[in-house]
């Protein structure tokens, strides 16, 4: 286990609130990475997505870096700009 993993495990054990906040933040981070990777796999730049959505590159950057605060309608438009479909699923 790396030092950072030991630190996180120790903090989670000592403070339940830290664990809850850490997990929520990590999920948002994973989602942001998924969006960026989908765009890169599609071979599309942020500039191209911005043009397709009639917005600025900075708005696309915010979507990819702060996905925890994205509207479903915006996410659907982003997916369509990549030639993808949005599929939302609730899980346990």
N, C-alpha and C. Protein backbone atom coordinates (compact mmCIF):
# COMPACT_ATOMS: atom_id res chain seq x y z
N UNK A 1 0.86 -1.18 0.00
CA UNK A 1 0.00 0.00 0.00
C UNK A 1 0.90 1.24 0.00
N UNK A 2 0.59 2.18 -0.88
CA UNK A 2 1.35 3.41 -0.95
C UNK A 2 1.05 4.31 0.24
N UNK A 3 1.92 5.29 0.47
CA UNK A 3 1.77 6.21 1.60
C UNK A 3 0.43 6.92 1.57
N UNK A 4 0.04 7.39 0.40
CA UNK A 4 -1.22 8.13 0.30
C UNK A 4 -2.41 7.21 0.60
N UNK A 5 -2.34 5.97 0.18
CA UNK A 5 -3.42 5.02 0.46
C UNK A 5 -3.52 4.73 1.96
N UNK A 6 -2.36 4.62 2.62
CA UNK A 6 -2.35 4.41 4.07
C UNK A 6 -2.96 5.62 4.78
N UNK A 7 -2.60 6.81 4.31
CA UNK A 7 -3.13 8.03 4.91
C UNK A 7 -4.65 8.09 4.77
N UNK A 8 -5.14 7.80 3.59
CA UNK A 8 -6.59 7.83 3.34
C UNK A 8 -7.29 6.79 4.20
N UNK A 9 -6.76 5.58 4.27
CA UNK A 9 -7.36 4.53 5.09
C UNK A 9 -7.40 4.94 6.56
N UNK A 10 -6.33 5.55 7.03
CA UNK A 10 -6.27 6.01 8.43
C UNK A 10 -7.31 7.09 8.68
N UNK A 11 -7.42 8.05 7.77
CA UNK A 11 -8.40 9.13 7.93
C UNK A 11 -9.83 8.59 7.89
N UNK A 12 -10.09 7.65 6.99
CA UNK A 12 -11.43 7.06 6.89
C UNK A 12 -11.82 6.36 8.18
N UNK A 13 -10.87 5.65 8.76
CA UNK A 13 -11.13 4.91 9.99
C UNK A 13 -11.38 5.86 11.16
N UNK A 14 -10.62 6.93 11.22
CA UNK A 14 -10.71 7.88 12.33
C UNK A 14 -11.92 8.80 12.24
N UNK A 15 -12.34 9.13 11.00
CA UNK A 15 -13.42 10.11 10.84
C UNK A 15 -14.41 9.63 9.79
N UNK A 16 -15.57 9.13 10.20
CA UNK A 16 -16.58 8.65 9.24
C UNK A 16 -17.01 9.72 8.24
N UNK A 17 -17.05 10.97 8.65
CA UNK A 17 -17.45 12.06 7.75
C UNK A 17 -16.43 12.20 6.61
N UNK A 18 -15.15 12.04 6.94
CA UNK A 18 -14.11 12.10 5.91
C UNK A 18 -14.35 11.01 4.87
N UNK A 19 -14.69 9.82 5.33
CA UNK A 19 -14.92 8.72 4.39
C UNK A 19 -16.06 9.04 3.44
N UNK A 20 -17.16 9.55 3.98
CA UNK A 20 -18.33 9.89 3.15
C UNK A 20 -17.96 10.96 2.13
N UNK A 21 -17.32 12.03 2.58
CA UNK A 21 -16.95 13.12 1.68
C UNK A 21 -15.92 12.67 0.65
N UNK A 22 -14.97 11.84 1.08
CA UNK A 22 -13.94 11.35 0.17
C UNK A 22 -14.57 10.52 -0.94
N UNK A 23 -15.47 9.63 -0.58
CA UNK A 23 -16.10 8.75 -1.58
C UNK A 23 -16.92 9.56 -2.59
N UNK A 24 -17.66 10.55 -2.11
CA UNK A 24 -18.45 11.40 -3.02
C UNK A 24 -17.54 12.17 -3.96
N UNK A 25 -16.47 12.73 -3.43
CA UNK A 25 -15.53 13.47 -4.26
C UNK A 25 -14.82 12.58 -5.26
N UNK A 26 -14.50 11.37 -4.85
CA UNK A 26 -13.81 10.45 -5.74
C UNK A 26 -14.71 10.02 -6.89
N UNK A 27 -16.00 9.80 -6.61
CA UNK A 27 -16.94 9.43 -7.67
C UNK A 27 -17.06 10.55 -8.70
N UNK A 28 -17.12 11.78 -8.23
CA UNK A 28 -17.18 12.92 -9.15
C UNK A 28 -15.91 12.99 -10.00
N UNK A 29 -14.76 12.74 -9.37
CA UNK A 29 -13.49 12.74 -10.08
C UNK A 29 -13.49 11.65 -11.16
N UNK A 30 -13.93 10.45 -10.80
CA UNK A 30 -13.98 9.35 -11.76
C UNK A 30 -14.88 9.69 -12.95
N UNK A 31 -16.00 10.35 -12.67
CA UNK A 31 -16.93 10.72 -13.73
C UNK A 31 -16.29 11.75 -14.66
N UNK A 32 -15.58 12.70 -14.08
CA UNK A 32 -14.89 13.70 -14.88
C UNK A 32 -13.87 13.05 -15.81
N UNK A 33 -13.12 12.10 -15.27
CA UNK A 33 -12.12 11.38 -16.07
C UNK A 33 -12.81 10.61 -17.19
N UNK A 34 -13.95 9.99 -16.90
CA UNK A 34 -14.69 9.24 -17.90
C UNK A 34 -15.11 10.14 -19.06
N UNK A 35 -15.57 11.35 -18.76
CA UNK A 35 -15.98 12.28 -19.81
C UNK A 35 -14.81 12.66 -20.70
N UNK A 36 -13.70 13.01 -20.07
CA UNK A 36 -12.52 13.40 -20.84
C UNK A 36 -12.01 12.25 -21.70
N UNK A 37 -11.97 11.05 -21.13
CA UNK A 37 -11.49 9.89 -21.89
C UNK A 37 -12.42 9.56 -23.05
N UNK A 38 -13.71 9.72 -22.87
CA UNK A 38 -14.65 9.46 -23.96
C UNK A 38 -14.41 10.44 -25.11
N UNK A 39 -14.15 11.70 -24.76
CA UNK A 39 -13.87 12.70 -25.79
C UNK A 39 -12.56 12.37 -26.51
N UNK A 40 -11.56 12.02 -25.75
CA UNK A 40 -10.26 11.70 -26.36
C UNK A 40 -10.35 10.45 -27.25
N UNK A 41 -11.09 9.43 -26.80
CA UNK A 41 -11.28 8.22 -27.63
C UNK A 41 -12.00 8.53 -28.92
N UNK A 42 -12.89 9.52 -28.86
CA UNK A 42 -13.63 9.93 -30.06
C UNK A 42 -12.75 10.78 -30.98
N UNK A 43 -11.56 11.15 -30.49
CA UNK A 43 -10.64 11.96 -31.31
C UNK A 43 -11.11 13.39 -31.50
N UNK A 44 -11.79 13.91 -30.49
CA UNK A 44 -12.38 15.25 -30.58
C UNK A 44 -11.73 16.15 -29.54
N UNK A 45 -11.41 17.37 -29.92
CA UNK A 45 -10.83 18.33 -28.99
C UNK A 45 -11.94 19.05 -28.21
N UNK A 46 -11.53 19.69 -27.13
CA UNK A 46 -12.48 20.51 -26.38
C UNK A 46 -13.03 21.62 -27.26
N UNK A 47 -12.19 22.17 -28.11
CA UNK A 47 -12.63 23.24 -29.01
C UNK A 47 -13.75 22.76 -29.93
N UNK A 48 -13.60 21.54 -30.45
CA UNK A 48 -14.62 20.99 -31.35
C UNK A 48 -15.93 20.76 -30.61
N UNK A 49 -15.84 20.20 -29.41
CA UNK A 49 -17.06 20.00 -28.61
C UNK A 49 -17.72 21.34 -28.34
N UNK A 50 -16.93 22.35 -28.00
CA UNK A 50 -17.46 23.69 -27.73
C UNK A 50 -18.20 24.23 -28.94
N UNK A 51 -17.63 24.08 -30.12
CA UNK A 51 -18.28 24.57 -31.34
C UNK A 51 -19.61 23.84 -31.56
N UNK A 52 -19.60 22.53 -31.35
CA UNK A 52 -20.82 21.75 -31.55
C UNK A 52 -21.91 22.13 -30.56
N UNK A 53 -21.51 22.55 -29.37
CA UNK A 53 -22.48 22.95 -28.34
C UNK A 53 -22.73 24.46 -28.33
N UNK A 54 -22.07 25.15 -29.26
CA UNK A 54 -22.19 26.61 -29.35
C UNK A 54 -21.86 27.29 -28.02
N UNK A 55 -20.70 26.91 -27.50
CA UNK A 55 -20.22 27.48 -26.24
C UNK A 55 -18.71 27.68 -26.35
N UNK A 56 -18.08 27.99 -25.24
CA UNK A 56 -16.63 28.23 -25.22
C UNK A 56 -15.89 27.00 -24.72
N UNK A 57 -14.62 26.92 -25.09
CA UNK A 57 -13.77 25.83 -24.64
C UNK A 57 -13.72 25.79 -23.11
N UNK A 58 -13.72 26.94 -22.46
CA UNK A 58 -13.67 26.98 -20.99
C UNK A 58 -14.89 26.30 -20.37
N UNK A 59 -16.03 26.37 -21.04
CA UNK A 59 -17.23 25.69 -20.53
C UNK A 59 -17.06 24.18 -20.61
N UNK A 60 -16.42 23.70 -21.67
CA UNK A 60 -16.17 22.27 -21.82
C UNK A 60 -15.17 21.81 -20.77
N UNK A 61 -14.17 22.62 -20.52
CA UNK A 61 -13.19 22.31 -19.48
C UNK A 61 -13.87 22.20 -18.12
N UNK A 62 -14.78 23.11 -17.83
CA UNK A 62 -15.52 23.05 -16.56
C UNK A 62 -16.34 21.78 -16.47
N UNK A 63 -16.98 21.38 -17.57
CA UNK A 63 -17.76 20.14 -17.58
C UNK A 63 -16.85 18.96 -17.25
N UNK A 64 -15.68 18.93 -17.88
CA UNK A 64 -14.78 17.79 -17.68
C UNK A 64 -14.06 17.81 -16.33
N UNK A 65 -13.95 18.97 -15.72
CA UNK A 65 -13.23 19.06 -14.45
C UNK A 65 -14.12 19.22 -13.23
N UNK A 66 -15.39 19.52 -13.44
CA UNK A 66 -16.32 19.70 -12.32
C UNK A 66 -17.64 19.01 -12.64
N UNK A 67 -17.56 17.75 -13.02
CA UNK A 67 -18.73 17.02 -13.48
C UNK A 67 -19.74 16.75 -12.36
N UNK A 68 -19.36 16.98 -11.11
CA UNK A 68 -20.30 16.74 -10.02
C UNK A 68 -21.46 17.72 -10.05
N UNK A 69 -21.33 18.78 -10.83
CA UNK A 69 -22.34 19.83 -10.83
C UNK A 69 -22.94 20.03 -12.24
N UNK A 70 -23.03 18.96 -12.99
CA UNK A 70 -23.49 19.07 -14.38
C UNK A 70 -24.96 18.67 -14.49
N UNK A 71 -25.70 19.40 -15.30
CA UNK A 71 -27.11 19.07 -15.54
C UNK A 71 -27.20 17.91 -16.51
N UNK A 72 -28.24 17.12 -16.36
CA UNK A 72 -28.43 15.99 -17.28
C UNK A 72 -28.62 16.48 -18.71
N UNK A 73 -29.30 17.58 -18.89
CA UNK A 73 -29.50 18.10 -20.25
C UNK A 73 -28.17 18.50 -20.88
N UNK A 74 -27.27 19.07 -20.09
CA UNK A 74 -25.95 19.43 -20.60
C UNK A 74 -25.14 18.18 -20.90
N UNK A 75 -25.23 17.21 -20.03
CA UNK A 75 -24.52 15.95 -20.24
C UNK A 75 -25.01 15.24 -21.50
N UNK A 76 -26.31 15.31 -21.74
CA UNK A 76 -26.88 14.71 -22.95
C UNK A 76 -26.33 15.41 -24.20
N UNK A 77 -26.26 16.73 -24.18
CA UNK A 77 -25.70 17.48 -25.31
C UNK A 77 -24.23 17.15 -25.51
N UNK A 78 -23.48 17.03 -24.41
CA UNK A 78 -22.07 16.68 -24.47
C UNK A 78 -21.91 15.30 -25.13
N UNK A 79 -22.71 14.34 -24.69
CA UNK A 79 -22.64 12.99 -25.26
C UNK A 79 -22.95 13.01 -26.75
N UNK A 80 -23.96 13.74 -27.14
CA UNK A 80 -24.32 13.83 -28.56
C UNK A 80 -23.21 14.48 -29.39
N UNK A 81 -22.52 15.44 -28.80
CA UNK A 81 -21.40 16.09 -29.49
C UNK A 81 -20.27 15.10 -29.77
N UNK A 82 -20.21 14.05 -28.96
CA UNK A 82 -19.21 13.00 -29.15
C UNK A 82 -19.73 11.87 -30.03
N UNK A 83 -20.98 11.99 -30.46
CA UNK A 83 -21.58 10.92 -31.25
C UNK A 83 -22.05 9.76 -30.38
N UNK A 84 -22.31 10.05 -29.10
CA UNK A 84 -22.74 9.04 -28.13
C UNK A 84 -24.16 9.31 -27.68
N UNK A 85 -24.71 8.34 -26.97
CA UNK A 85 -26.02 8.50 -26.33
C UNK A 85 -25.84 8.45 -24.83
N UNK A 86 -26.65 9.19 -24.12
CA UNK A 86 -26.61 9.19 -22.67
C UNK A 86 -27.53 8.10 -22.16
N UNK A 87 -27.02 7.29 -21.23
CA UNK A 87 -27.82 6.24 -20.60
C UNK A 87 -27.64 6.39 -19.11
N UNK A 88 -28.72 6.68 -18.38
CA UNK A 88 -28.66 6.87 -16.94
C UNK A 88 -29.28 5.66 -16.26
N UNK A 89 -28.60 5.16 -15.23
CA UNK A 89 -29.07 3.96 -14.56
C UNK A 89 -28.89 4.12 -13.06
N UNK A 90 -29.87 3.75 -12.28
CA UNK A 90 -29.76 3.76 -10.83
C UNK A 90 -29.34 2.37 -10.37
N UNK A 91 -28.39 2.33 -9.43
CA UNK A 91 -27.92 1.05 -8.91
C UNK A 91 -27.90 1.09 -7.40
N UNK A 92 -27.81 -0.05 -6.81
CA UNK A 92 -27.72 -0.15 -5.33
C UNK A 92 -26.33 0.17 -4.89
